[in-house]
């Protein structure tokens, strides 16, 4: 049996479901950013100062799929996560 999930104050069951859906989509797109970035680092650069930028594809998808606050959260996760991963 599952324990009841905690919701922020003032949320009913329907809005808590939408909150979880947006959080799940943000986490999925964030993981996709990290995967594409790892693949991008393995590919040779076309020029010494140029990268392909395929790690930004999930960000472009998020513009259409997520509301603005979740989009900003994803962008922040990508920036911080990529700086930690790439050094």
N, C-alpha and C. Protein backbone atom coordinates (compact mmCIF):
# COMPACT_ATOMS: atom_id res chain seq x y z
N UNK A 1 0.84 -1.18 0.00
CA UNK A 1 0.00 0.00 0.00
C UNK A 1 0.88 1.24 0.00
N UNK A 2 0.53 2.21 -0.84
CA UNK A 2 1.31 3.43 -0.94
C UNK A 2 0.96 4.41 0.15
N UNK A 3 1.97 5.09 0.62
CA UNK A 3 1.73 6.16 1.59
C UNK A 3 1.19 7.37 0.83
N UNK A 4 0.32 8.13 1.45
CA UNK A 4 -0.19 9.32 0.75
C UNK A 4 0.94 10.30 0.50
N UNK A 5 0.90 10.92 -0.68
CA UNK A 5 1.94 11.88 -1.03
C UNK A 5 1.61 13.23 -0.40
N UNK A 6 2.64 13.94 -0.04
CA UNK A 6 2.43 15.26 0.54
C UNK A 6 2.24 16.27 -0.57
N UNK A 7 1.30 17.16 -0.37
CA UNK A 7 1.01 18.20 -1.36
C UNK A 7 1.24 19.56 -0.70
N UNK A 8 1.59 20.53 -1.51
CA UNK A 8 1.66 21.88 -0.97
C UNK A 8 0.29 22.33 -0.48
N UNK A 9 0.28 23.23 0.48
CA UNK A 9 -0.98 23.69 1.07
C UNK A 9 -1.88 24.30 0.00
N UNK A 10 -3.15 24.00 0.07
CA UNK A 10 -4.13 24.56 -0.84
C UNK A 10 -4.32 23.79 -2.12
N UNK A 11 -3.68 22.65 -2.27
CA UNK A 11 -3.83 21.85 -3.48
C UNK A 11 -4.82 20.72 -3.25
N UNK A 12 -5.74 20.58 -4.17
CA UNK A 12 -6.63 19.43 -4.10
C UNK A 12 -6.03 18.28 -4.89
N UNK A 13 -6.72 17.17 -4.97
CA UNK A 13 -6.19 15.97 -5.62
C UNK A 13 -5.90 16.19 -7.10
N UNK A 14 -6.78 16.89 -7.81
CA UNK A 14 -6.59 17.09 -9.25
C UNK A 14 -5.38 17.98 -9.53
N UNK A 15 -5.25 19.06 -8.78
CA UNK A 15 -4.10 19.94 -9.03
C UNK A 15 -2.80 19.29 -8.58
N UNK A 16 -2.84 18.42 -7.60
CA UNK A 16 -1.63 17.70 -7.19
C UNK A 16 -1.19 16.74 -8.29
N UNK A 17 -2.13 16.15 -9.02
CA UNK A 17 -1.78 15.28 -10.14
C UNK A 17 -1.11 16.05 -11.26
N UNK A 18 -1.61 17.25 -11.54
CA UNK A 18 -0.99 18.08 -12.57
C UNK A 18 0.40 18.53 -12.14
N UNK A 19 0.57 18.82 -10.84
CA UNK A 19 1.87 19.20 -10.30
C UNK A 19 2.87 18.07 -10.50
N UNK A 20 2.46 16.85 -10.23
CA UNK A 20 3.35 15.70 -10.40
C UNK A 20 3.67 15.47 -11.87
N UNK A 21 2.71 15.67 -12.76
CA UNK A 21 2.96 15.50 -14.19
C UNK A 21 4.00 16.49 -14.69
N UNK A 22 3.91 17.74 -14.28
CA UNK A 22 4.87 18.75 -14.72
C UNK A 22 6.25 18.47 -14.13
N UNK A 23 6.28 18.03 -12.87
CA UNK A 23 7.57 17.70 -12.24
C UNK A 23 8.20 16.50 -12.93
N UNK A 24 7.40 15.51 -13.28
CA UNK A 24 7.93 14.34 -13.98
C UNK A 24 8.44 14.72 -15.37
N UNK A 25 7.73 15.56 -16.08
CA UNK A 25 8.16 15.99 -17.41
C UNK A 25 9.46 16.80 -17.31
N UNK A 26 9.56 17.66 -16.29
CA UNK A 26 10.78 18.45 -16.10
C UNK A 26 11.96 17.54 -15.80
N UNK A 27 11.77 16.54 -14.95
CA UNK A 27 12.85 15.61 -14.63
C UNK A 27 13.26 14.80 -15.86
N UNK A 28 12.30 14.36 -16.65
CA UNK A 28 12.60 13.59 -17.85
C UNK A 28 13.38 14.42 -18.86
N UNK A 29 12.96 15.65 -19.09
CA UNK A 29 13.66 16.52 -20.03
C UNK A 29 15.05 16.90 -19.50
N UNK A 30 15.19 17.06 -18.19
CA UNK A 30 16.50 17.33 -17.61
C UNK A 30 17.45 16.17 -17.81
N UNK A 31 16.97 14.96 -17.59
CA UNK A 31 17.80 13.77 -17.82
C UNK A 31 18.17 13.64 -19.29
N UNK A 32 17.24 13.99 -20.16
CA UNK A 32 17.51 13.96 -21.60
C UNK A 32 18.59 14.98 -21.97
N UNK A 33 18.57 16.15 -21.32
CA UNK A 33 19.63 17.15 -21.54
C UNK A 33 20.99 16.58 -21.18
N UNK A 34 21.08 15.91 -20.04
CA UNK A 34 22.36 15.35 -19.59
C UNK A 34 22.83 14.24 -20.52
N UNK A 35 21.91 13.41 -20.99
CA UNK A 35 22.28 12.34 -21.90
C UNK A 35 22.81 12.91 -23.22
N UNK A 36 22.09 13.86 -23.78
CA UNK A 36 22.53 14.46 -25.04
C UNK A 36 23.84 15.22 -24.88
N UNK A 37 24.06 15.81 -23.73
CA UNK A 37 25.32 16.50 -23.51
C UNK A 37 26.47 15.51 -23.43
N UNK A 38 26.28 14.37 -22.79
CA UNK A 38 27.33 13.35 -22.74
C UNK A 38 27.65 12.84 -24.15
N UNK A 39 26.63 12.66 -24.96
CA UNK A 39 26.84 12.23 -26.35
C UNK A 39 27.57 13.32 -27.12
N UNK A 40 27.20 14.57 -26.88
CA UNK A 40 27.83 15.68 -27.59
C UNK A 40 29.31 15.80 -27.26
N UNK A 41 29.69 15.53 -26.01
CA UNK A 41 31.10 15.60 -25.65
C UNK A 41 31.91 14.49 -26.30
N UNK A 42 31.26 13.37 -26.67
CA UNK A 42 31.96 12.28 -27.34
C UNK A 42 32.19 12.54 -28.82
N UNK A 43 31.36 13.39 -29.42
CA UNK A 43 31.48 13.69 -30.85
C UNK A 43 32.60 14.70 -31.08
N UNK A 44 33.30 14.59 -32.18
CA UNK A 44 34.33 15.60 -32.48
C UNK A 44 33.66 16.95 -32.81
N UNK A 45 34.34 18.02 -32.44
CA UNK A 45 33.82 19.36 -32.72
C UNK A 45 34.09 19.71 -34.18
N UNK A 46 33.13 20.32 -34.87
CA UNK A 46 33.36 20.71 -36.27
C UNK A 46 34.48 21.74 -36.40
N UNK A 47 34.58 22.64 -35.43
CA UNK A 47 35.65 23.64 -35.38
C UNK A 47 36.09 23.73 -33.92
N UNK A 48 37.28 24.18 -33.63
CA UNK A 48 37.77 24.17 -32.25
C UNK A 48 36.89 24.94 -31.26
N UNK A 49 36.23 25.97 -31.67
CA UNK A 49 35.43 26.79 -30.76
C UNK A 49 33.93 26.53 -30.87
N UNK A 50 33.52 25.54 -31.63
CA UNK A 50 32.10 25.35 -31.93
C UNK A 50 31.62 23.98 -31.48
N UNK A 51 30.46 23.96 -30.81
CA UNK A 51 29.79 22.71 -30.46
C UNK A 51 28.47 22.66 -31.20
N UNK A 52 27.93 21.44 -31.34
CA UNK A 52 26.68 21.29 -32.09
C UNK A 52 25.47 21.82 -31.34
N UNK A 53 25.43 21.69 -30.03
CA UNK A 53 24.31 22.20 -29.25
C UNK A 53 23.12 21.28 -29.18
N UNK A 54 23.34 19.97 -29.36
CA UNK A 54 22.20 19.05 -29.32
C UNK A 54 21.63 18.90 -27.92
N UNK A 55 22.38 19.30 -26.90
CA UNK A 55 21.87 19.22 -25.52
C UNK A 55 20.77 20.26 -25.28
N UNK A 56 20.60 21.20 -26.19
CA UNK A 56 19.55 22.21 -26.04
C UNK A 56 18.21 21.78 -26.64
N UNK A 57 18.16 20.64 -27.29
CA UNK A 57 16.89 20.18 -27.88
C UNK A 57 15.78 19.99 -26.83
N UNK A 58 16.06 19.39 -25.66
CA UNK A 58 14.97 19.29 -24.67
C UNK A 58 14.49 20.66 -24.17
N UNK A 59 15.36 21.64 -24.15
CA UNK A 59 14.94 22.99 -23.76
C UNK A 59 13.95 23.54 -24.79
N UNK A 60 14.23 23.30 -26.06
CA UNK A 60 13.31 23.76 -27.11
C UNK A 60 11.97 23.03 -27.03
N UNK A 61 12.00 21.75 -26.68
CA UNK A 61 10.74 21.02 -26.48
C UNK A 61 9.97 21.56 -25.29
N UNK A 62 10.68 21.95 -24.25
CA UNK A 62 10.03 22.44 -23.03
C UNK A 62 9.30 23.76 -23.26
N UNK A 63 9.73 24.54 -24.22
CA UNK A 63 9.05 25.80 -24.51
C UNK A 63 7.59 25.54 -24.84
N UNK A 64 7.33 24.47 -25.55
CA UNK A 64 5.96 24.14 -25.95
C UNK A 64 5.24 23.28 -24.91
N UNK A 65 5.97 22.42 -24.19
CA UNK A 65 5.33 21.44 -23.32
C UNK A 65 5.09 21.91 -21.89
N UNK A 66 5.92 22.81 -21.38
CA UNK A 66 5.86 23.18 -19.97
C UNK A 66 5.43 24.63 -19.80
N UNK A 67 4.76 24.93 -18.68
CA UNK A 67 4.50 26.34 -18.37
C UNK A 67 5.80 27.06 -18.00
N UNK A 68 5.76 28.37 -18.00
CA UNK A 68 6.97 29.17 -17.85
C UNK A 68 7.77 28.88 -16.57
N UNK A 69 7.15 28.75 -15.38
CA UNK A 69 7.96 28.46 -14.19
C UNK A 69 8.69 27.12 -14.28
N UNK A 70 8.05 26.12 -14.85
CA UNK A 70 8.71 24.82 -15.01
C UNK A 70 9.79 24.88 -16.07
N UNK A 71 9.60 25.70 -17.09
CA UNK A 71 10.62 25.90 -18.11
C UNK A 71 11.87 26.53 -17.48
N UNK A 72 11.68 27.53 -16.64
CA UNK A 72 12.81 28.15 -15.96
C UNK A 72 13.51 27.17 -15.03
N UNK A 73 12.74 26.31 -14.37
CA UNK A 73 13.33 25.28 -13.52
C UNK A 73 14.20 24.34 -14.34
N UNK A 74 13.71 23.91 -15.48
CA UNK A 74 14.48 23.03 -16.35
C UNK A 74 15.75 23.71 -16.83
N UNK A 75 15.65 24.96 -17.24
CA UNK A 75 16.84 25.68 -17.70
C UNK A 75 17.87 25.82 -16.59
N UNK A 76 17.42 26.08 -15.37
CA UNK A 76 18.32 26.19 -14.23
C UNK A 76 18.98 24.85 -13.92
N UNK A 77 18.21 23.77 -13.97
CA UNK A 77 18.77 22.43 -13.74
C UNK A 77 19.81 22.11 -14.81
N UNK A 78 19.53 22.47 -16.04
CA UNK A 78 20.49 22.20 -17.12
C UNK A 78 21.77 22.98 -16.93
N UNK A 79 21.67 24.24 -16.60
CA UNK A 79 22.86 25.08 -16.45
C UNK A 79 23.72 24.59 -15.28
N UNK A 80 23.09 24.36 -14.13
CA UNK A 80 23.85 23.92 -12.95
C UNK A 80 24.38 22.50 -13.16
N UNK A 81 23.55 21.61 -13.67
CA UNK A 81 23.97 20.24 -13.88
C UNK A 81 25.10 20.12 -14.89
N UNK A 82 25.03 20.88 -15.96
CA UNK A 82 26.07 20.80 -16.98
C UNK A 82 27.38 21.41 -16.48
N UNK A 83 27.31 22.42 -15.65
CA UNK A 83 28.55 22.99 -15.10
C UNK A 83 29.19 22.02 -14.11
N UNK A 84 28.39 21.24 -13.39
CA UNK A 84 28.93 20.25 -12.48
C UNK A 84 29.54 19.07 -13.26
N UNK A 85 28.84 18.63 -14.29
CA UNK A 85 29.29 17.47 -15.06
C UNK A 85 30.53 17.80 -15.89
N UNK A 86 30.52 18.94 -16.56
CA UNK A 86 31.63 19.25 -17.48
C UNK A 86 32.81 19.91 -16.77
N UNK A 87 32.60 20.38 -15.58
CA UNK A 87 33.72 20.95 -14.81
C UNK A 87 33.86 22.37 -14.99
